[in-house]
């Protein structure tokens, strides 16, 4: 498929018209701005093209998506404005939106012949941009906005500008991958507190769901590999272990509160069933839901005339004993 006709071929394949698309056959890049407002489940499949690299930047609207490259899942989570992904040449990209979406994106199609100028000896390594998915990059976002402007409202020098943007995107992709590799190899500062808080808040708001590493990494603004290294360096725990401990703590508090059944608590905190929750409480807190319930009852009977504030202190004491 010729690079300049790619947006229109995809429009026919997807049954969707782009909001706007470049039409200059001689420009170094082709782009299309897509807008979808559909609450039905949708799936978009992009056939492989050995001569074209695709950069997808999400402009506005958040939605749940599952994406794969050559049939291998690469991302499952919430796409947010500012994130971008790269589909390497010759790879099939598919994305499914199980809950539909209301969002806009820009797809930028870069010929490999142009990208070769951005690598040493004119050769782009096969894995040069593999695995870039759900990350953020201020320069790539700036260039993408420029592409959108020139695509939807082309000016007298649009071709010159788009040719320049094509090379700038190639250079920035190479720099992005280099910074990412250096960060993984030499990470010493871990995750900044404000980024860690965002990840923590996402986990706490979705304890009953199975968040993917891609989702957590995207919330922190890192690739999956960099996120895993930096997260463990900062917290001393793997992301999986951290999530389990937050689930255990929440389950403990709900058991002591006594308002929900154990089955309901297990479901609310992301455990597969009550037995799984009991096993995790025993492993991490050396206690069981039954013992925690007894502690709560004993604390209430010991101070029957206590105020609600005093009762809260008593319960916190019970929690410390249980731990």
C-alpha atoms as a PDB file:
ATOM      1  CA  UNK A   1       0.000   0.000   0.000  1.00  0.00           C
ATOM      2  CA  UNK A   2       1.491   3.361  -1.024  1.00  0.00           C
ATOM      3  CA  UNK A   3       2.186   5.624   1.921  1.00  0.00           C
ATOM      4  CA  UNK A   4       0.156   8.534   0.553  1.00  0.00           C
ATOM      5  CA  UNK A   5      -2.965   6.357   0.063  1.00  0.00           C
ATOM      6  CA  UNK A   6      -2.745   4.580   3.411  1.00  0.00           C
ATOM      7  CA  UNK A   7      -5.337   6.694   5.303  1.00  0.00           C
ATOM      8  CA  UNK A   8      -7.904   6.217   2.550  1.00  0.00           C
ATOM      9  CA  UNK A   9      -7.264   2.471   2.293  1.00  0.00           C
ATOM     10  CA  UNK A  10      -7.719   2.183   6.066  1.00  0.00           C
ATOM     11  CA  UNK A  11     -10.875   4.286   5.884  1.00  0.00           C
ATOM     12  CA  UNK A  12     -12.345   1.741   3.487  1.00  0.00           C
ATOM     13  CA  UNK A  13     -11.159  -1.171   5.616  1.00  0.00           C
ATOM     14  CA  UNK A  14     -12.524   0.291   8.850  1.00  0.00           C
ATOM     15  CA  UNK A  15     -15.705   1.786   7.389  1.00  0.00           C
ATOM     16  CA  UNK A  16     -14.698   5.134   8.847  1.00  0.00           C
ATOM     17  CA  UNK A  17     -13.823   8.448   7.216  1.00  0.00           C
ATOM     18  CA  UNK A  18     -10.893  10.456   8.642  1.00  0.00           C
ATOM     19  CA  UNK A  19     -11.657  13.924   9.940  1.00  0.00           C
ATOM     20  CA  UNK A  20      -8.878  15.153   7.671  1.00  0.00           C
ATOM     21  CA  UNK A  21      -5.870  13.652   5.882  1.00  0.00           C
ATOM     22  CA  UNK A  22      -2.810  14.824   3.984  1.00  0.00           C
ATOM     23  CA  UNK A  23      -3.100  14.671   0.197  1.00  0.00           C
ATOM     24  CA  UNK A  24       0.335  15.825  -0.969  1.00  0.00           C
ATOM     25  CA  UNK A  25       1.778  12.759  -2.701  1.00  0.00           C
ATOM     26  CA  UNK A  26       5.311  14.191  -2.512  1.00  0.00           C
ATOM     27  CA  UNK A  27       5.421  14.972   1.236  1.00  0.00           C
ATOM     28  CA  UNK A  28       7.798  12.954   3.414  1.00  0.00           C
ATOM     29  CA  UNK A  29       4.955  11.823   5.672  1.00  0.00           C
ATOM     30  CA  UNK A  30       1.257  11.077   5.465  1.00  0.00           C
ATOM     31  CA  UNK A  31      -1.163  11.714   8.318  1.00  0.00           C
ATOM     32  CA  UNK A  32      -4.816  11.300   9.171  1.00  0.00           C
ATOM     33  CA  UNK A  33      -6.854  12.659  12.050  1.00  0.00           C
ATOM     34  CA  UNK A  34      -9.528  10.229  13.222  1.00  0.00           C
ATOM     35  CA  UNK A  35     -12.540  11.027  15.385  1.00  0.00           C
ATOM     36  CA  UNK A  36     -14.764   8.238  16.702  1.00  0.00           C
ATOM     37  CA  UNK A  37     -17.945   8.613  18.770  1.00  0.00           C
ATOM     38  CA  UNK A  38     -19.342   5.132  19.151  1.00  0.00           C
ATOM     39  CA  UNK A  39     -20.329   3.388  22.369  1.00  0.00           C
ATOM     40  CA  UNK A  40     -20.456  -0.001  20.704  1.00  0.00           C
ATOM     41  CA  UNK A  41     -17.549  -2.403  20.912  1.00  0.00           C
ATOM     42  CA  UNK A  42     -15.112  -1.622  18.080  1.00  0.00           C
ATOM     43  CA  UNK A  43     -12.012  -3.277  16.698  1.00  0.00           C
ATOM     44  CA  UNK A  44      -9.550  -1.759  14.220  1.00  0.00           C
ATOM     45  CA  UNK A  45      -7.004  -3.901  12.405  1.00  0.00           C
ATOM     46  CA  UNK A  46      -4.072  -2.339  10.521  1.00  0.00           C
ATOM     47  CA  UNK A  47      -2.372  -4.648   7.983  1.00  0.00           C
ATOM     48  CA  UNK A  48       1.435  -4.803   8.073  1.00  0.00           C
ATOM     49  CA  UNK A  49       3.430  -2.544   5.759  1.00  0.00           C
ATOM     50  CA  UNK A  50       7.189  -3.245   5.535  1.00  0.00           C
ATOM     51  CA  UNK A  51       7.869   0.263   4.220  1.00  0.00           C
ATOM     52  CA  UNK A  52       5.974   2.320   6.796  1.00  0.00           C
ATOM     53  CA  UNK A  53       6.283   3.081  10.503  1.00  0.00           C
ATOM     54  CA  UNK A  54       3.153   4.396  12.245  1.00  0.00           C
ATOM     55  CA  UNK A  55       3.102   6.851  15.144  1.00  0.00           C
ATOM     56  CA  UNK A  56      -0.282   7.132  16.865  1.00  0.00           C
ATOM     57  CA  UNK A  57      -0.834  10.035  19.277  1.00  0.00           C
ATOM     58  CA  UNK A  58      -4.013  10.262  21.363  1.00  0.00           C
ATOM     59  CA  UNK A  59      -5.341  13.825  21.266  1.00  0.00           C
ATOM     60  CA  UNK A  60      -8.481  13.844  23.421  1.00  0.00           C
ATOM     61  CA  UNK A  61     -10.866  11.465  25.156  1.00  0.00           C
ATOM     62  CA  UNK A  62     -10.081   8.497  27.415  1.00  0.00           C
ATOM     63  CA  UNK A  63     -11.223   4.955  26.685  1.00  0.00           C
ATOM     64  CA  UNK A  64     -10.452   1.352  27.594  1.00  0.00           C
ATOM     65  CA  UNK A  65      -8.445  -0.488  24.944  1.00  0.00           C
ATOM     66  CA  UNK A  66      -6.659  -3.754  24.281  1.00  0.00           C
ATOM     67  CA  UNK A  67      -3.936  -3.551  21.643  1.00  0.00           C
ATOM     68  CA  UNK A  68      -1.686  -6.173  20.122  1.00  0.00           C
ATOM     69  CA  UNK A  69       1.227  -6.369  17.697  1.00  0.00           C
ATOM     70  CA  UNK A  70       1.319  -9.478  15.505  1.00  0.00           C
ATOM     71  CA  UNK A  71      -1.253 -11.128  17.756  1.00  0.00           C
ATOM     72  CA  UNK A  72       0.720 -10.529  20.982  1.00  0.00           C
ATOM     73  CA  UNK A  73      -1.026  -8.287  23.516  1.00  0.00           C
ATOM     74  CA  UNK A  74       1.034  -5.192  24.294  1.00  0.00           C
ATOM     75  CA  UNK A  75      -1.424  -3.032  26.210  1.00  0.00           C
ATOM     76  CA  UNK A  76      -4.644  -3.467  28.171  1.00  0.00           C
ATOM     77  CA  UNK A  77      -5.934  -0.454  30.035  1.00  0.00           C
ATOM     78  CA  UNK A  78      -7.137   3.105  29.622  1.00  0.00           C
ATOM     79  CA  UNK A  79      -5.820   5.215  26.769  1.00  0.00           C
ATOM     80  CA  UNK A  80      -5.402   8.854  27.743  1.00  0.00           C
ATOM     81  CA  UNK A  81      -4.642  12.091  25.869  1.00  0.00           C
ATOM     82  CA  UNK A  82      -0.925  12.628  25.395  1.00  0.00           C
ATOM     83  CA  UNK A  83      -0.016   8.946  25.185  1.00  0.00           C
ATOM     84  CA  UNK A  84       1.524   7.630  21.986  1.00  0.00           C
ATOM     85  CA  UNK A  85       2.416   4.294  20.471  1.00  0.00           C
ATOM     86  CA  UNK A  86       4.694   3.214  17.636  1.00  0.00           C
ATOM     87  CA  UNK A  87       3.889   0.419  15.186  1.00  0.00           C
ATOM     88  CA  UNK A  88       7.186  -0.793  13.650  1.00  0.00           C
ATOM     89  CA  UNK A  89       7.398  -1.466   9.895  1.00  0.00           C
ATOM     90  CA  UNK A  90       6.032  -4.821   8.792  1.00  0.00           C
ATOM     91  CA  UNK A  91       3.978  -5.418  11.954  1.00  0.00           C
ATOM     92  CA  UNK A  92       0.227  -5.951  12.188  1.00  0.00           C
ATOM     93  CA  UNK A  93      -1.429  -3.707  14.767  1.00  0.00           C
ATOM     94  CA  UNK A  94      -4.887  -4.401  16.146  1.00  0.00           C
ATOM     95  CA  UNK A  95      -6.789  -2.506  18.815  1.00  0.00           C
ATOM     96  CA  UNK A  96     -10.089  -3.431  20.444  1.00  0.00           C
ATOM     97  CA  UNK A  97     -12.337  -1.039  22.382  1.00  0.00           C
ATOM     98  CA  UNK A  98     -14.778  -3.318  24.260  1.00  0.00           C
ATOM     99  CA  UNK A  99     -16.794  -0.388  25.630  1.00  0.00           C
ATOM    100  CA  UNK A 100     -16.648   1.816  22.542  1.00  0.00           C
ATOM    101  CA  UNK A 101     -15.001   5.233  22.609  1.00  0.00           C
ATOM    102  CA  UNK A 102     -15.367   8.946  22.143  1.00  0.00           C
ATOM    103  CA  UNK A 103     -11.911  10.172  21.221  1.00  0.00           C
ATOM    104  CA  UNK A 104      -9.657  11.602  18.541  1.00  0.00           C
ATOM    105  CA  UNK A 105      -6.203  10.507  17.413  1.00  0.00           C
ATOM    106  CA  UNK A 106      -3.675  11.380  14.771  1.00  0.00           C
ATOM    107  CA  UNK A 107      -1.939   8.614  12.827  1.00  0.00           C
ATOM    108  CA  UNK A 108       1.352   9.612  11.251  1.00  0.00           C
ATOM    109  CA  UNK A 109       2.761   7.311   8.559  1.00  0.00           C
ATOM    110  CA  UNK A 110       6.527   7.599   8.130  1.00  0.00           C
ATOM    111  CA  UNK A 111       8.335   5.872   5.220  1.00  0.00           C
ATOM    112  CA  UNK A 112      11.338   3.810   6.294  1.00  0.00           C
ATOM    113  CA  UNK A 113      13.309   5.527   3.516  1.00  0.00           C
ATOM    114  CA  UNK A 114      12.996   8.798   5.474  1.00  0.00           C
ATOM    115  CA  UNK A 115      13.694   7.219   8.871  1.00  0.00           C
ATOM    116  CA  UNK A 116      16.988   5.691   7.722  1.00  0.00           C
ATOM    117  CA  UNK A 117      18.510   9.177   7.708  1.00  0.00           C
ATOM    118  CA  UNK A 118      18.001   9.328  11.508  1.00  0.00           C
ATOM    119  CA  UNK A 119      20.178   6.275  12.275  1.00  0.00           C
ATOM    120  CA  UNK A 120      23.883   5.621  11.912  1.00  0.00           C
ATOM    121  CA  UNK A 121      24.994   4.253   8.525  1.00  0.00           C
ATOM    122  CA  UNK A 122      21.472   4.814   7.231  1.00  0.00           C
ATOM    123  CA  UNK A 123      20.172   1.604   8.826  1.00  0.00           C
ATOM    124  CA  UNK A 124      17.327   1.506  11.339  1.00  0.00           C
ATOM    125  CA  UNK A 125      17.744  -1.560  13.641  1.00  0.00           C
ATOM    126  CA  UNK A 126      14.781  -3.995  13.570  1.00  0.00           C
ATOM    127  CA  UNK A 127      14.036  -3.413  17.261  1.00  0.00           C
ATOM    128  CA  UNK A 128      14.764   0.331  17.217  1.00  0.00           C
ATOM    129  CA  UNK A 129      11.212   1.347  18.172  1.00  0.00           C
ATOM    130  CA  UNK A 130       9.706  -1.948  19.309  1.00  0.00           C
ATOM    131  CA  UNK A 131       7.693  -1.859  22.539  1.00  0.00           C
ATOM    132  CA  UNK A 132       6.897   1.875  22.621  1.00  0.00           C
ATOM    133  CA  UNK A 133       3.283   1.856  23.755  1.00  0.00           C
ATOM    134  CA  UNK A 134       1.269   4.071  26.109  1.00  0.00           C
ATOM    135  CA  UNK A 135       4.119   6.438  26.912  1.00  0.00           C
ATOM    136  CA  UNK A 136       4.305  10.232  26.842  1.00  0.00           C
ATOM    137  CA  UNK A 137       6.806  12.513  25.153  1.00  0.00           C
ATOM    138  CA  UNK A 138       6.371  16.298  25.089  1.00  0.00           C
ATOM    139  CA  UNK A 139       8.302  16.793  21.833  1.00  0.00           C
ATOM    140  CA  UNK A 140       6.416  14.062  19.986  1.00  0.00           C
ATOM    141  CA  UNK A 141       3.150  15.581  21.196  1.00  0.00           C
ATOM    142  CA  UNK A 142       4.242  19.004  19.954  1.00  0.00           C
ATOM    143  CA  UNK A 143       5.162  17.608  16.544  1.00  0.00           C
ATOM    144  CA  UNK A 144       1.889  15.669  16.374  1.00  0.00           C
ATOM    145  CA  UNK A 145      -0.123  18.848  17.052  1.00  0.00           C
ATOM    146  CA  UNK A 146       1.821  20.561  14.289  1.00  0.00           C
ATOM    147  CA  UNK A 147       0.956  17.701  11.927  1.00  0.00           C
ATOM    148  CA  UNK A 148      -2.721  18.006  12.868  1.00  0.00           C
ATOM    149  CA  UNK A 149      -2.672  21.728  12.150  1.00  0.00           C
ATOM    150  CA  UNK A 150      -1.037  21.331   8.751  1.00  0.00           C
ATOM    151  CA  UNK A 151      -3.218  18.336   7.860  1.00  0.00           C
ATOM    152  CA  UNK A 152      -6.534  19.987   8.659  1.00  0.00           C
ATOM    153  CA  UNK A 153      -5.572  23.515   7.530  1.00  0.00           C
ATOM    154  CA  UNK A 154      -2.644  23.249   5.095  1.00  0.00           C
ATOM    155  CA  UNK A 155      -0.674  26.414   4.424  1.00  0.00           C
ATOM    156  CA  UNK A 156       1.449  27.483   1.446  1.00  0.00           C
ATOM    157  CA  UNK A 157       4.585  25.789   2.816  1.00  0.00           C
ATOM    158  CA  UNK A 158       2.956  22.686   4.311  1.00  0.00           C
ATOM    159  CA  UNK A 159       5.074  20.242   2.329  1.00  0.00           C
ATOM    160  CA  UNK A 160       8.329  21.805   3.539  1.00  0.00           C
ATOM    161  CA  UNK A 161       7.037  21.815   7.095  1.00  0.00           C
ATOM    162  CA  UNK A 162       5.857  18.178   6.971  1.00  0.00           C
ATOM    163  CA  UNK A 163       9.189  17.083   5.486  1.00  0.00           C
ATOM    164  CA  UNK A 164      10.931  18.750   8.425  1.00  0.00           C
ATOM    165  CA  UNK A 165       8.526  17.175  10.928  1.00  0.00           C
ATOM    166  CA  UNK A 166       9.160  13.717   9.453  1.00  0.00           C
ATOM    167  CA  UNK A 167      12.887  13.979  10.160  1.00  0.00           C
ATOM    168  CA  UNK A 168      12.271  15.543  13.587  1.00  0.00           C
ATOM    169  CA  UNK A 169       9.964  12.669  14.541  1.00  0.00           C
ATOM    170  CA  UNK A 170      12.564  10.126  13.486  1.00  0.00           C
ATOM    171  CA  UNK A 171      15.265  11.851  15.531  1.00  0.00           C
ATOM    172  CA  UNK A 172      13.011  12.185  18.587  1.00  0.00           C
ATOM    173  CA  UNK A 173      11.983   8.514  18.410  1.00  0.00           C
ATOM    174  CA  UNK A 174      15.632   7.534  18.459  1.00  0.00           C
ATOM    175  CA  UNK A 175      16.344   9.871  21.379  1.00  0.00           C
ATOM    176  CA  UNK A 176      13.275   8.607  23.237  1.00  0.00           C
ATOM    177  CA  UNK A 177      14.443   5.007  22.945  1.00  0.00           C
ATOM    178  CA  UNK A 178      17.992   5.945  23.992  1.00  0.00           C
ATOM    179  CA  UNK A 179      16.758   7.836  27.091  1.00  0.00           C
ATOM    180  CA  UNK A 180      14.508   4.918  27.958  1.00  0.00           C
ATOM    181  CA  UNK A 181      17.357   2.397  27.679  1.00  0.00           C
ATOM    182  CA  UNK A 182      19.696   4.573  29.743  1.00  0.00           C
ATOM    183  CA  UNK A 183      17.042   5.031  32.424  1.00  0.00           C
ATOM    184  CA  UNK A 184      16.552   1.271  32.752  1.00  0.00           C
ATOM    185  CA  UNK A 185      20.288   0.596  32.853  1.00  0.00           C
ATOM    186  CA  UNK A 186      21.193   3.400  35.264  1.00  0.00           C
ATOM    187  CA  UNK A 187      18.029   4.055  37.262  1.00  0.00           C
ATOM    188  CA  UNK A 188      19.067   5.315  40.697  1.00  0.00           C
ATOM    189  CA  UNK A 189      16.382   7.815  41.640  1.00  0.00           C
ATOM    190  CA  UNK A 190      13.339   5.577  41.310  1.00  0.00           C
ATOM    191  CA  UNK A 191       9.921   7.099  40.731  1.00  0.00           C
ATOM    192  CA  UNK A 192       9.269  10.696  41.843  1.00  0.00           C
ATOM    193  CA  UNK A 193       6.756  10.980  44.668  1.00  0.00           C
ATOM    194  CA  UNK A 194       4.073  12.650  42.550  1.00  0.00           C
ATOM    195  CA  UNK A 195       4.254   9.912  39.914  1.00  0.00           C
ATOM    196  CA  UNK A 196       4.139   7.218  42.584  1.00  0.00           C
ATOM    197  CA  UNK A 197       1.054   8.856  44.092  1.00  0.00           C
ATOM    198  CA  UNK A 198      -0.703   8.692  40.747  1.00  0.00           C
ATOM    199  CA  UNK A 199       0.035   4.985  40.480  1.00  0.00           C
ATOM    200  CA  UNK A 200      -1.046   4.404  44.092  1.00  0.00           C
ATOM    201  CA  UNK A 201      -4.306   6.295  43.556  1.00  0.00           C
ATOM    202  CA  UNK A 202      -5.039   4.291  40.407  1.00  0.00           C
ATOM    203  CA  UNK A 203      -4.462   1.029  42.289  1.00  0.00           C
ATOM    204  CA  UNK A 204      -6.650   2.061  45.214  1.00  0.00           C
ATOM    205  CA  UNK A 205      -9.466   3.177  42.899  1.00  0.00           C
ATOM    206  CA  UNK A 206      -9.391  -0.157  41.074  1.00  0.00           C
ATOM    207  CA  UNK A 207      -8.631  -2.766  43.752  1.00  0.00           C
ATOM    208  CA  UNK A 208     -11.451  -4.952  42.488  1.00  0.00           C
ATOM    209  CA  UNK A 209     -10.024  -4.991  38.949  1.00  0.00           C
ATOM    210  CA  UNK A 210      -6.987  -6.621  37.379  1.00  0.00           C
ATOM    211  CA  UNK A 211      -4.829  -3.685  36.333  1.00  0.00           C
ATOM    212  CA  UNK A 212      -2.149  -4.525  33.807  1.00  0.00           C
ATOM    213  CA  UNK A 213       1.494  -3.486  34.074  1.00  0.00           C
ATOM    214  CA  UNK A 214       0.932  -1.431  30.947  1.00  0.00           C
ATOM    215  CA  UNK A 215      -1.826   0.505  32.681  1.00  0.00           C
ATOM    216  CA  UNK A 216       0.308   1.220  35.750  1.00  0.00           C
ATOM    217  CA  UNK A 217       3.324   2.156  33.648  1.00  0.00           C
ATOM    218  CA  UNK A 218       1.236   4.502  31.509  1.00  0.00           C
ATOM    219  CA  UNK A 219      -0.093   6.245  34.628  1.00  0.00           C
ATOM    220  CA  UNK A 220       3.513   6.860  35.716  1.00  0.00           C
ATOM    221  CA  UNK A 221       4.506   7.934  32.211  1.00  0.00           C
ATOM    222  CA  UNK A 222       7.092   5.146  31.821  1.00  0.00           C
ATOM    223  CA  UNK A 223       7.569   2.133  29.604  1.00  0.00           C
ATOM    224  CA  UNK A 224       6.758  -1.194  31.280  1.00  0.00           C
ATOM    225  CA  UNK A 225      10.419  -2.203  31.651  1.00  0.00           C
ATOM    226  CA  UNK A 226      11.496   1.134  33.118  1.00  0.00           C
ATOM    227  CA  UNK A 227       8.459   1.242  35.402  1.00  0.00           C
ATOM    228  CA  UNK A 228       9.137  -2.194  36.900  1.00  0.00           C
ATOM    229  CA  UNK A 229      12.768  -1.300  37.664  1.00  0.00           C
ATOM    230  CA  UNK A 230      11.993   2.137  39.078  1.00  0.00           C
ATOM    231  CA  UNK A 231       8.948   0.989  41.068  1.00  0.00           C
ATOM    232  CA  UNK A 232      10.845  -1.756  42.881  1.00  0.00           C
ATOM    233  CA  UNK A 233      13.748   0.589  43.533  1.00  0.00           C
ATOM    234  CA  UNK A 234      11.369   3.127  45.105  1.00  0.00           C
ATOM    235  CA  UNK A 235       9.050   0.855  47.092  1.00  0.00           C
ATOM    236  CA  UNK A 236      11.168  -2.247  47.604  1.00  0.00           C
ATOM    237  CA  UNK A 237       8.301  -4.275  46.108  1.00  0.00           C
ATOM    238  CA  UNK A 238       7.338  -5.488  42.674  1.00  0.00           C
ATOM    239  CA  UNK A 239       4.138  -3.885  41.318  1.00  0.00           C
ATOM    240  CA  UNK A 240       2.294  -7.196  41.777  1.00  0.00           C
ATOM    241  CA  UNK A 241       3.387  -7.538  45.401  1.00  0.00           C
ATOM    242  CA  UNK A 242       2.445  -3.923  46.083  1.00  0.00           C
ATOM    243  CA  UNK A 243      -1.072  -4.443  44.691  1.00  0.00           C
ATOM    244  CA  UNK A 244      -1.551  -7.616  46.754  1.00  0.00           C
ATOM    245  CA  UNK A 245      -0.499  -5.827  49.953  1.00  0.00           C
ATOM    246  CA  UNK A 246      -2.922  -2.963  49.275  1.00  0.00           C
ATOM    247  CA  UNK A 247      -5.696  -5.515  48.713  1.00  0.00           C
ATOM    248  CA  UNK A 248      -4.842  -7.292  51.949  1.00  0.00           C
ATOM    249  CA  UNK A 249      -4.876  -4.041  53.925  1.00  0.00           C
ATOM    250  CA  UNK A 250      -8.219  -2.993  52.444  1.00  0.00           C
ATOM    251  CA  UNK A 251      -9.719  -6.432  53.080  1.00  0.00           C
ATOM    252  CA  UNK A 252      -8.507  -6.306  56.692  1.00  0.00           C
ATOM    253  CA  UNK A 253     -10.175  -2.930  57.253  1.00  0.00           C
ATOM    254  CA  UNK A 254     -13.453  -4.085  55.710  1.00  0.00           C
ATOM    255  CA  UNK A 255     -13.478  -7.267  57.790  1.00  0.00           C
ATOM    256  CA  UNK A 256     -12.969  -5.242  60.969  1.00  0.00           C
ATOM    257  CA  UNK A 257     -15.705  -2.841  59.897  1.00  0.00           C
ATOM    258  CA  UNK A 258     -18.125  -5.768  59.750  1.00  0.00           C
ATOM    259  CA  UNK A 259     -20.627  -4.341  57.252  1.00  0.00           C
ATOM    260  CA  UNK A 260     -19.970  -6.711  54.320  1.00  0.00           C
ATOM    261  CA  UNK A 261     -19.897 -10.488  54.088  1.00  0.00           C
ATOM    262  CA  UNK A 262     -16.528 -12.122  53.485  1.00  0.00           C
ATOM    263  CA  UNK A 263     -17.602 -13.071  49.964  1.00  0.00           C
ATOM    264  CA  UNK A 264     -18.470  -9.436  49.222  1.00  0.00           C
ATOM    265  CA  UNK A 265     -15.186  -8.219  50.692  1.00  0.00           C
ATOM    266  CA  UNK A 266     -13.180 -10.686  48.580  1.00  0.00           C
ATOM    267  CA  UNK A 267     -14.913  -9.467  45.418  1.00  0.00           C
ATOM    268  CA  UNK A 268     -14.534  -5.775  46.333  1.00  0.00           C
ATOM    269  CA  UNK A 269     -10.801  -6.095  46.966  1.00  0.00           C
ATOM    270  CA  UNK A 270      -9.892  -8.076  43.859  1.00  0.00           C
ATOM    271  CA  UNK A 271      -9.461 -11.587  45.266  1.00  0.00           C
ATOM    272  CA  UNK A 272     -10.758 -14.449  43.156  1.00  0.00           C
ATOM    273  CA  UNK A 273     -12.824 -15.817  46.065  1.00  0.00           C
ATOM    274  CA  UNK A 274     -13.061 -15.941  49.870  1.00  0.00           C
ATOM    275  CA  UNK A 275     -10.489 -18.741  50.119  1.00  0.00           C
ATOM    276  CA  UNK A 276      -7.953 -16.676  48.176  1.00  0.00           C
ATOM    277  CA  UNK A 277      -8.526 -13.713  50.498  1.00  0.00           C
ATOM    278  CA  UNK A 278      -8.145 -15.888  53.599  1.00  0.00           C
ATOM    279  CA  UNK A 279      -4.914 -17.362  52.258  1.00  0.00           C
ATOM    280  CA  UNK A 280      -3.505 -13.877  51.567  1.00  0.00           C
ATOM    281  CA  UNK A 281      -4.467 -12.546  55.017  1.00  0.00           C
ATOM    282  CA  UNK A 282      -2.782 -15.532  56.640  1.00  0.00           C
ATOM    283  CA  UNK A 283       0.328 -15.101  54.507  1.00  0.00           C
ATOM    284  CA  UNK A 284       0.806 -11.347  54.931  1.00  0.00           C
ATOM    285  CA  UNK A 285      -0.839 -10.599  58.316  1.00  0.00           C
ATOM    286  CA  UNK A 286      -0.572 -14.004  60.019  1.00  0.00           C
ATOM    287  CA  UNK A 287      -4.264 -13.973  60.793  1.00  0.00           C
ATOM    288  CA  UNK A 288      -7.636 -14.931  59.282  1.00  0.00           C
ATOM    289  CA  UNK A 289     -10.927 -13.092  58.652  1.00  0.00           C
ATOM    290  CA  UNK A 290     -12.509 -15.024  61.528  1.00  0.00           C
ATOM    291  CA  UNK A 291      -9.842 -13.873  64.002  1.00  0.00           C
ATOM    292  CA  UNK A 292     -10.158 -10.283  62.792  1.00  0.00           C
ATOM    293  CA  UNK A 293     -13.920 -10.387  63.330  1.00  0.00           C
ATOM    294  CA  UNK A 294     -13.356 -11.681  66.874  1.00  0.00           C
ATOM    295  CA  UNK A 295     -10.902  -8.842  67.527  1.00  0.00           C
ATOM    296  CA  UNK A 296     -13.464  -6.276  66.370  1.00  0.00           C
ATOM    297  CA  UNK A 297     -16.201  -7.810  68.564  1.00  0.00           C
ATOM    298  CA  UNK A 298     -13.895  -7.983  71.610  1.00  0.00           C
ATOM    299  CA  UNK A 299     -12.875  -4.344  71.151  1.00  0.00           C
ATOM    300  CA  UNK A 300     -16.525  -3.261  70.961  1.00  0.00           C
ATOM    301  CA  UNK A 301     -17.492  -5.251  74.085  1.00  0.00           C
ATOM    302  CA  UNK A 302     -14.516  -3.955  76.069  1.00  0.00           C
ATOM    303  CA  UNK A 303     -15.600  -0.327  75.660  1.00  0.00           C
ATOM    304  CA  UNK A 304     -19.408  -0.438  75.274  1.00  0.00           C
ATOM    305  CA  UNK A 305     -19.827   3.222  76.277  1.00  0.00           C
ATOM    306  CA  UNK A 306     -17.035   4.583  74.102  1.00  0.00           C
ATOM    307  CA  UNK A 307     -17.725   7.346  71.612  1.00  0.00           C
ATOM    308  CA  UNK A 308     -17.438   6.682  67.915  1.00  0.00           C
ATOM    309  CA  UNK A 309     -14.033   8.373  67.932  1.00  0.00           C
ATOM    310  CA  UNK A 310     -12.818   6.236  70.817  1.00  0.00           C
ATOM    311  CA  UNK A 311     -14.201   3.157  69.056  1.00  0.00           C
ATOM    312  CA  UNK A 312     -12.138   4.109  66.006  1.00  0.00           C
ATOM    313  CA  UNK A 313      -9.011   4.178  68.175  1.00  0.00           C
ATOM    314  CA  UNK A 314      -9.874   0.811  69.587  1.00  0.00           C
ATOM    315  CA  UNK A 315     -10.204  -0.645  66.144  1.00  0.00           C
ATOM    316  CA  UNK A 316      -6.890   0.761  65.071  1.00  0.00           C
ATOM    317  CA  UNK A 317      -5.323  -0.886  68.093  1.00  0.00           C
ATOM    318  CA  UNK A 318      -6.911  -4.143  67.018  1.00  0.00           C
ATOM    319  CA  UNK A 319      -5.399  -3.701  63.559  1.00  0.00           C
ATOM    320  CA  UNK A 320      -1.942  -3.231  65.019  1.00  0.00           C
ATOM    321  CA  UNK A 321      -2.314  -6.400  67.068  1.00  0.00           C
ATOM    322  CA  UNK A 322      -3.469  -8.340  64.001  1.00  0.00           C
ATOM    323  CA  UNK A 323      -0.458  -7.245  62.025  1.00  0.00           C
END
